[in-house]
Amino acid sequence: MRRLFPCVSVLALCALGWTGSAAAQPIETVGERAMGMGGAFVAVADDSSATWWNPAALAAGPFVDVAVGWSKSEFRQDGARRGRVVPVAVSLSTPPFGASYYRFRITNIQSSGPTVTPPGGREDGRVGVVQALTVDDIGVTLLHSVFTGVHVGTTLKFLRGRVEHTSGLGSTPEGQFDADLGVLAVAGPWRVGGVVRNLRAAEFDAAGGDGVKLPRQARVGVAFDGGARRGSMAAWTVSADVDVASYATGTGDRRVIAAGAERWLFGKRIGVRGGGRFNQVGHKERSATGGVSAAIRPGMFVEAHAAGGGSDDERGWGVSARVSF
């Protein structure tokens, strides 16, 4: 595992180089397995969602994995909705390559007094300026094995985004390039990973208002894969992730600790998972999560997750179809 330290050091240096300006979506956005495990997936990602969670983790994936999914996450403060992320995800992996297309609709709602009238003419003192960012994210993932059991990967991304406001003002769609960088070390049943997302922290300008930035995000994780132990027949995994530093979102700062577990049953025909996460800064949201996978045929899965908390916490759900062999 000592061979992993130089790679982790590079990730840490990248993480320290950002500014704390206004930003958009959290890391916990894509992947039904990941979301069901509370977002503790950086060291686990062994399907095509590794193109999002950790490009280096493609090394531990199947020969081919293809997934199509939709989900919705909401963020609340004082019982009122203050943010929403709705992604459509299409991902493909066949190591050492991967490809992905993510389309996001990220909405931030700023509270205001009762004099503000949202679209539709309804006065509501709990709703003010609505800012929305729509992004098309096209990525190509490349993987390289540095040593036996140590892998690095990157996802090179072309982003096309547009910012809109309640006022009706909207920006002209603009395109930008960005990249994610990941590392994974595997030693028997133990897996350690790290990822830095949005290295350039791309920002999209808005007509008549503030722009929206996709924040640079850094996370490390560790996982224990019970099925990888010699002589073990147990198909279960436990994992934990932590953000290296806080980053800004439209609903406040965020630095998350996440933990999760996954168990496959009946010869990997049914998978069940659960987890939770806690935001250590900002509004300190807490969420409990759960998910399930069901094989309708060998290698063909329908997957879903749900997340919930108190009146001021995150909530959401999603579904996907995945083919893996």
Protein backbone atom coordinates (compact mmCIF):
# COMPACT_ATOMS: atom_id res chain seq x y z
CA MET A 1 0.00 0.00 0.00
CA ARG A 2 3.00 2.31 0.33
CA ARG A 3 3.03 2.58 -3.46
CA LEU A 4 -0.32 4.33 -3.21
CA PHE A 5 1.00 7.27 -1.17
CA PRO A 6 2.53 9.27 -4.10
CA CYS A 7 -0.78 9.04 -5.98
CA VAL A 8 -2.75 10.16 -2.92
CA SER A 9 -0.33 13.07 -2.46
CA VAL A 10 -1.05 14.27 -5.99
CA LEU A 11 -4.79 14.13 -5.30
CA ALA A 12 -4.34 16.09 -2.08
CA LEU A 13 -2.37 18.83 -3.84
CA CYS A 14 -5.10 19.12 -6.45
CA ALA A 15 -7.70 19.36 -3.70
CA LEU A 16 -5.93 22.26 -1.99
CA GLY A 17 -5.90 24.39 -5.12
CA TRP A 18 -9.54 25.52 -5.29
CA THR A 19 -11.39 28.66 -4.35
CA GLY A 20 -14.61 28.67 -2.38
CA SER A 21 -16.96 30.46 -4.79
CA ALA A 22 -20.61 29.64 -5.47
CA ALA A 23 -21.21 26.23 -6.94
CA ALA A 24 -23.64 23.53 -7.97
CA GLN A 25 -24.18 19.80 -7.39
CA PRO A 26 -22.83 17.50 -4.66
CA ILE A 27 -20.80 14.39 -5.39
CA GLU A 28 -23.70 12.14 -4.35
CA THR A 29 -25.66 12.41 -7.58
CA VAL A 30 -25.19 9.40 -9.88
CA GLY A 31 -25.39 5.60 -9.61
CA GLU A 32 -28.06 3.53 -7.91
CA ARG A 33 -25.61 1.28 -6.08
CA ALA A 34 -23.57 4.27 -4.91
CA MET A 35 -26.62 6.23 -3.78
CA GLY A 36 -28.05 3.21 -1.96
CA MET A 37 -24.78 2.90 -0.02
CA GLY A 38 -24.98 6.49 1.18
CA GLY A 39 -22.41 7.69 -1.34
CA ALA A 40 -19.57 5.62 0.17
CA PHE A 41 -18.45 4.38 -3.24
CA VAL A 42 -15.03 5.81 -4.16
CA ALA A 43 -13.25 2.57 -3.25
CA VAL A 44 -16.16 0.31 -4.32
CA ALA A 45 -17.05 1.57 -7.82
CA ASP A 46 -16.73 -1.61 -9.88
CA ASP A 47 -19.41 -0.85 -12.47
CA SER A 48 -19.71 1.79 -15.20
CA SER A 49 -20.61 4.49 -12.65
CA ALA A 50 -16.86 4.51 -11.94
CA THR A 51 -16.73 7.03 -14.78
CA TRP A 52 -18.27 9.40 -12.19
CA TRP A 53 -17.13 8.07 -8.81
CA ASN A 54 -13.52 7.01 -9.48
CA PRO A 55 -12.09 6.52 -12.98
CA ALA A 56 -9.33 4.26 -11.62
CA ALA A 57 -11.91 1.79 -10.27
CA LEU A 58 -12.70 0.61 -13.79
CA ALA A 59 -9.73 -1.74 -13.23
CA ALA A 60 -11.86 -3.82 -10.85
CA GLY A 61 -14.92 -3.87 -13.10
CA PRO A 62 -16.41 -6.51 -15.42
CA PHE A 63 -15.55 -6.96 -19.09
CA VAL A 64 -18.55 -4.82 -20.12
CA ASP A 65 -20.98 -2.81 -18.01
CA VAL A 66 -23.69 -0.53 -19.41
CA ALA A 67 -26.20 1.45 -17.33
CA VAL A 68 -29.02 3.92 -17.96
CA GLY A 69 -30.60 5.73 -15.01
CA TRP A 70 -32.67 8.65 -13.71
CA SER A 71 -32.86 10.09 -10.22
CA LYS A 72 -33.95 13.15 -8.24
CA SER A 73 -32.44 14.60 -5.06
CA GLU A 74 -33.88 17.48 -3.02
CA PHE A 75 -32.27 19.63 -0.34
CA ARG A 76 -34.38 21.40 2.29
CA GLN A 77 -33.94 24.15 4.86
CA ASP A 78 -36.54 25.06 7.50
CA GLY A 79 -38.88 22.57 5.87
CA ALA A 80 -38.79 24.31 2.47
CA ARG A 81 -37.11 23.04 -0.67
CA ARG A 82 -33.93 24.99 -1.44
CA GLY A 83 -32.30 22.86 -4.11
CA ARG A 84 -32.90 20.03 -6.53
CA VAL A 85 -30.67 17.89 -8.77
CA VAL A 86 -32.21 15.75 -11.52
CA PRO A 87 -29.68 13.74 -13.55
CA VAL A 88 -30.09 11.38 -16.48
CA ALA A 89 -27.09 9.04 -16.66
CA VAL A 90 -25.78 6.78 -19.42
CA SER A 91 -22.47 5.03 -18.81
CA LEU A 92 -20.39 2.31 -20.46
CA SER A 93 -17.21 0.62 -19.29
CA THR A 94 -14.95 -1.97 -20.87
CA PRO A 95 -11.59 -1.67 -19.11
CA PRO A 96 -9.30 0.12 -19.74
CA PHE A 97 -11.84 2.46 -21.36
CA GLY A 98 -15.14 4.02 -20.41
CA ALA A 99 -17.63 6.50 -21.83
CA SER A 100 -20.43 8.46 -20.19
CA TYR A 101 -23.16 10.99 -20.83
CA TYR A 102 -24.79 12.81 -17.92
CA ARG A 103 -27.46 15.47 -18.26
CA PHE A 104 -28.15 17.52 -15.13
CA ARG A 105 -30.82 20.00 -14.19
CA ILE A 106 -29.51 21.69 -11.02
CA THR A 107 -31.93 24.13 -9.35
CA ASN A 108 -31.05 26.49 -6.48
CA ILE A 109 -33.84 28.38 -4.72
CA GLN A 110 -33.00 31.43 -2.61
CA SER A 111 -35.43 32.43 0.14
CA SER A 112 -37.10 35.82 -0.13
CA GLY A 113 -39.81 37.98 1.40
CA PRO A 114 -43.49 37.74 0.46
CA THR A 115 -43.15 40.52 -2.12
CA VAL A 116 -41.44 38.17 -4.58
CA THR A 117 -43.79 36.53 -7.05
CA PRO A 118 -42.48 33.29 -8.58
CA PRO A 119 -43.58 32.10 -12.03
CA GLY A 120 -47.33 31.46 -12.17
CA GLY A 121 -48.25 34.61 -10.22
CA ARG A 122 -48.39 32.94 -6.78
CA GLU A 123 -46.93 34.89 -3.88
CA ASP A 124 -44.94 32.74 -1.52
CA GLY A 125 -42.67 34.08 1.19
CA ARG A 126 -40.66 30.84 1.19
CA VAL A 127 -39.61 31.05 -2.47
CA GLY A 128 -37.49 33.74 -4.08
CA VAL A 129 -35.00 33.74 -6.92
CA VAL A 130 -34.76 30.44 -8.73
CA GLN A 131 -31.48 29.75 -10.53
CA ALA A 132 -31.11 26.65 -12.69
CA LEU A 133 -28.12 25.17 -14.48
CA THR A 134 -28.59 22.59 -17.22
CA VAL A 135 -25.42 20.70 -18.14
CA ASP A 136 -24.66 18.07 -20.75
CA ASP A 137 -21.56 16.17 -19.61
CA ILE A 138 -19.85 13.93 -22.18
CA GLY A 139 -16.90 11.96 -20.81
CA VAL A 140 -14.19 9.56 -21.95
CA THR A 141 -12.46 7.53 -19.23
CA LEU A 142 -8.92 6.15 -19.52
CA LEU A 143 -7.25 3.72 -17.12
CA HIS A 144 -3.62 2.81 -16.44
CA SER A 145 -2.17 0.22 -14.03
CA VAL A 146 0.91 1.70 -12.36
CA PHE A 147 1.87 -1.33 -10.25
CA THR A 148 0.21 -4.63 -9.47
CA GLY A 149 -2.93 -3.65 -7.60
CA VAL A 150 -2.43 0.11 -8.02
CA HIS A 151 -4.35 1.93 -10.75
CA VAL A 152 -4.86 5.52 -11.89
CA GLY A 153 -7.54 6.84 -14.19
CA THR A 154 -9.00 10.01 -15.60
CA THR A 155 -12.30 11.08 -17.11
CA LEU A 156 -11.90 13.81 -19.73
CA LYS A 157 -15.12 15.79 -20.03
CA PHE A 158 -16.75 18.20 -22.42
CA LEU A 159 -19.42 20.23 -20.65
CA ARG A 160 -22.12 22.30 -22.32
CA GLY A 161 -24.14 24.36 -19.86
CA ARG A 162 -26.73 27.10 -19.63
CA VAL A 163 -27.87 29.14 -16.61
CA GLU A 164 -31.46 30.39 -16.22
CA HIS A 165 -33.16 32.68 -13.66
CA THR A 166 -36.73 33.20 -12.45
CA SER A 167 -36.64 36.59 -14.17
CA GLY A 168 -36.62 34.83 -17.51
CA LEU A 169 -33.06 35.85 -18.27
CA GLY A 170 -30.96 33.03 -19.59
CA SER A 171 -27.38 32.72 -20.71
CA THR A 172 -26.18 31.49 -24.07
CA PRO A 173 -25.12 27.84 -23.87
CA GLU A 174 -21.36 27.58 -23.53
CA GLY A 175 -18.92 24.71 -23.75
CA GLN A 176 -15.97 23.95 -21.50
CA PHE A 177 -13.50 21.15 -20.90
CA ASP A 178 -12.77 19.60 -17.52
CA ALA A 179 -11.37 16.39 -16.04
CA ASP A 180 -11.57 14.03 -13.07
CA LEU A 181 -8.60 12.13 -11.62
CA GLY A 182 -8.77 8.94 -9.59
CA VAL A 183 -6.56 6.32 -7.92
CA LEU A 184 -7.34 2.85 -6.55
CA ALA A 185 -5.22 0.33 -4.64
CA VAL A 186 -6.38 -3.25 -4.09
CA ALA A 187 -4.75 -5.66 -1.63
CA GLY A 188 -6.76 -8.82 -1.04
CA PRO A 189 -10.19 -7.82 0.28
CA TRP A 190 -9.07 -4.25 1.04
CA ARG A 191 -9.56 -1.38 -1.37
CA VAL A 192 -8.43 2.23 -0.93
CA GLY A 193 -9.38 4.94 -3.41
CA GLY A 194 -9.30 8.66 -3.98
CA VAL A 195 -10.79 11.02 -6.54
CA VAL A 196 -10.64 14.69 -7.45
CA ARG A 197 -13.57 15.81 -9.59
CA ASN A 198 -13.86 18.95 -11.73
CA LEU A 199 -10.16 19.82 -11.76
CA ARG A 200 -10.77 23.08 -13.63
CA ALA A 201 -13.92 23.95 -11.62
CA ALA A 202 -15.75 25.05 -14.78
CA GLU A 203 -18.02 28.09 -14.33
CA PHE A 204 -21.00 29.04 -16.46
CA ASP A 205 -21.93 32.70 -16.75
CA ALA A 206 -25.48 33.96 -16.29
CA ALA A 207 -27.17 36.94 -17.94
CA GLY A 208 -28.13 39.50 -15.29
CA GLY A 209 -26.91 37.41 -12.35
CA ASP A 210 -24.18 35.34 -10.75
CA GLY A 211 -22.75 32.43 -12.64
CA VAL A 212 -22.75 28.84 -11.40
CA LYS A 213 -19.57 26.84 -10.79
CA LEU A 214 -19.13 23.08 -10.78
CA PRO A 215 -16.93 22.89 -7.66
CA ARG A 216 -13.68 21.01 -7.40
CA GLN A 217 -14.35 18.04 -5.11
CA ALA A 218 -11.91 15.63 -3.46
CA ARG A 219 -12.83 12.45 -1.63
CA VAL A 220 -11.06 9.37 -0.27
CA GLY A 221 -12.59 6.03 0.61
CA VAL A 222 -11.84 2.59 1.97
CA ALA A 223 -13.76 -0.64 1.45
CA PHE A 224 -13.63 -4.26 2.57
CA ASP A 225 -14.88 -6.78 0.00
CA GLY A 226 -15.81 -9.96 1.82
CA GLY A 227 -16.14 -11.87 -1.44
CA ALA A 228 -12.46 -11.26 -2.28
CA ARG A 229 -11.15 -13.22 0.73
CA ARG A 230 -9.55 -16.52 -0.19
CA GLY A 231 -12.05 -19.32 0.23
CA SER A 232 -14.91 -16.95 1.05
CA MET A 233 -18.34 -17.31 -0.56
CA ALA A 234 -19.72 -14.16 1.09
CA ALA A 235 -20.74 -11.53 -1.48
CA TRP A 236 -20.79 -8.52 0.84
CA THR A 237 -18.97 -5.18 1.01
CA VAL A 238 -18.65 -2.44 3.62
CA SER A 239 -17.23 0.98 2.86
CA ALA A 240 -16.61 4.49 4.17
CA ASP A 241 -15.83 7.78 2.40
CA VAL A 242 -14.84 11.24 3.58
CA ASP A 243 -14.47 14.52 1.70
CA VAL A 244 -10.93 15.90 1.93
CA ALA A 245 -12.14 19.52 2.16
CA SER A 246 -15.42 21.41 2.08
CA TYR A 247 -16.86 22.74 -1.16
CA ALA A 248 -19.68 25.14 -1.95
CA THR A 249 -23.08 24.21 -3.34
CA GLY A 250 -26.18 26.27 -4.00
CA THR A 251 -27.63 25.20 -0.65
CA GLY A 252 -24.51 25.74 1.46
CA ASP A 253 -21.07 24.32 2.15
CA ARG A 254 -20.57 20.58 2.12
CA ARG A 255 -18.04 18.13 3.57
CA VAL A 256 -19.53 14.68 3.94
CA ILE A 257 -18.73 11.52 5.85
CA ALA A 258 -20.52 8.51 4.33
CA ALA A 259 -20.75 4.81 5.19
CA GLY A 260 -22.53 1.93 3.49
CA ALA A 261 -22.84 -1.81 3.02
CA GLU A 262 -23.93 -4.11 0.20
CA ARG A 263 -24.96 -7.77 0.25
CA TRP A 264 -25.65 -10.01 -2.74
CA LEU A 265 -27.97 -12.99 -2.28
CA PHE A 266 -29.15 -16.04 -4.23
CA GLY A 267 -26.14 -16.24 -6.50
CA LYS A 268 -26.09 -12.47 -7.15
CA ARG A 269 -29.70 -12.43 -8.27
CA ILE A 270 -30.69 -9.99 -5.53
CA GLY A 271 -28.58 -7.21 -4.06
CA VAL A 272 -29.54 -5.16 -1.01
CA ARG A 273 -27.68 -2.17 0.36
CA GLY A 274 -27.96 0.56 2.95
CA GLY A 275 -25.99 3.47 4.29
CA GLY A 276 -26.01 7.02 5.50
CA ARG A 277 -24.14 10.30 5.25
CA PHE A 278 -23.58 13.34 7.41
CA ASN A 279 -22.61 16.79 6.20
CA GLN A 280 -20.09 18.14 8.74
CA VAL A 281 -20.46 21.79 7.70
CA GLY A 282 -23.16 24.14 6.41
CA HIS A 283 -26.63 23.00 7.46
CA LYS A 284 -25.27 19.61 8.65
CA GLU A 285 -27.82 17.53 6.80
CA ARG A 286 -28.19 13.83 7.58
CA SER A 287 -29.63 11.18 5.32
CA ALA A 288 -30.28 7.44 5.53
CA THR A 289 -30.26 5.50 2.28
CA GLY A 290 -31.25 2.11 0.96
CA GLY A 291 -31.31 0.33 -2.35
CA VAL A 292 -31.95 -2.91 -4.17
CA SER A 293 -30.88 -4.71 -7.34
CA ALA A 294 -32.85 -7.49 -9.00
CA ALA A 295 -31.56 -9.66 -11.84
CA ILE A 296 -34.32 -10.14 -14.40
CA ARG A 297 -31.90 -12.33 -16.38
CA PRO A 298 -28.25 -13.28 -15.72
CA GLY A 299 -26.25 -10.09 -16.00
CA MET A 300 -29.32 -7.85 -16.46
CA PHE A 301 -30.34 -5.78 -13.43
CA VAL A 302 -33.06 -3.36 -12.44
CA GLU A 303 -31.82 -1.13 -9.61
CA ALA A 304 -33.33 1.53 -7.36
CA HIS A 305 -32.48 3.64 -4.33
CA ALA A 306 -34.23 5.95 -1.87
CA ALA A 307 -32.84 8.51 0.58
CA GLY A 308 -34.55 10.39 3.38
CA GLY A 309 -34.02 12.39 6.54
CA GLY A 310 -35.76 15.00 8.63
CA SER A 311 -37.52 18.14 7.40
CA ASP A 312 -34.17 19.89 6.81
CA ASP A 313 -32.30 16.95 5.31
CA GLU A 314 -31.75 15.44 1.89
CA ARG A 315 -34.26 13.18 0.23
CA GLY A 316 -34.56 11.54 -3.15
CA TRP A 317 -34.93 8.41 -5.20
CA GLY A 318 -33.85 6.91 -8.52
CA VAL A 319 -34.05 3.92 -10.84
CA SER A 320 -31.76 2.38 -13.45
CA ALA A 321 -31.24 -0.58 -15.74
CA ARG A 322 -27.81 -2.19 -15.99
CA VAL A 323 -26.23 -4.93 -18.11
CA SER A 324 -22.99 -6.46 -16.84
CA PHE A 325 -20.92 -9.43 -17.98
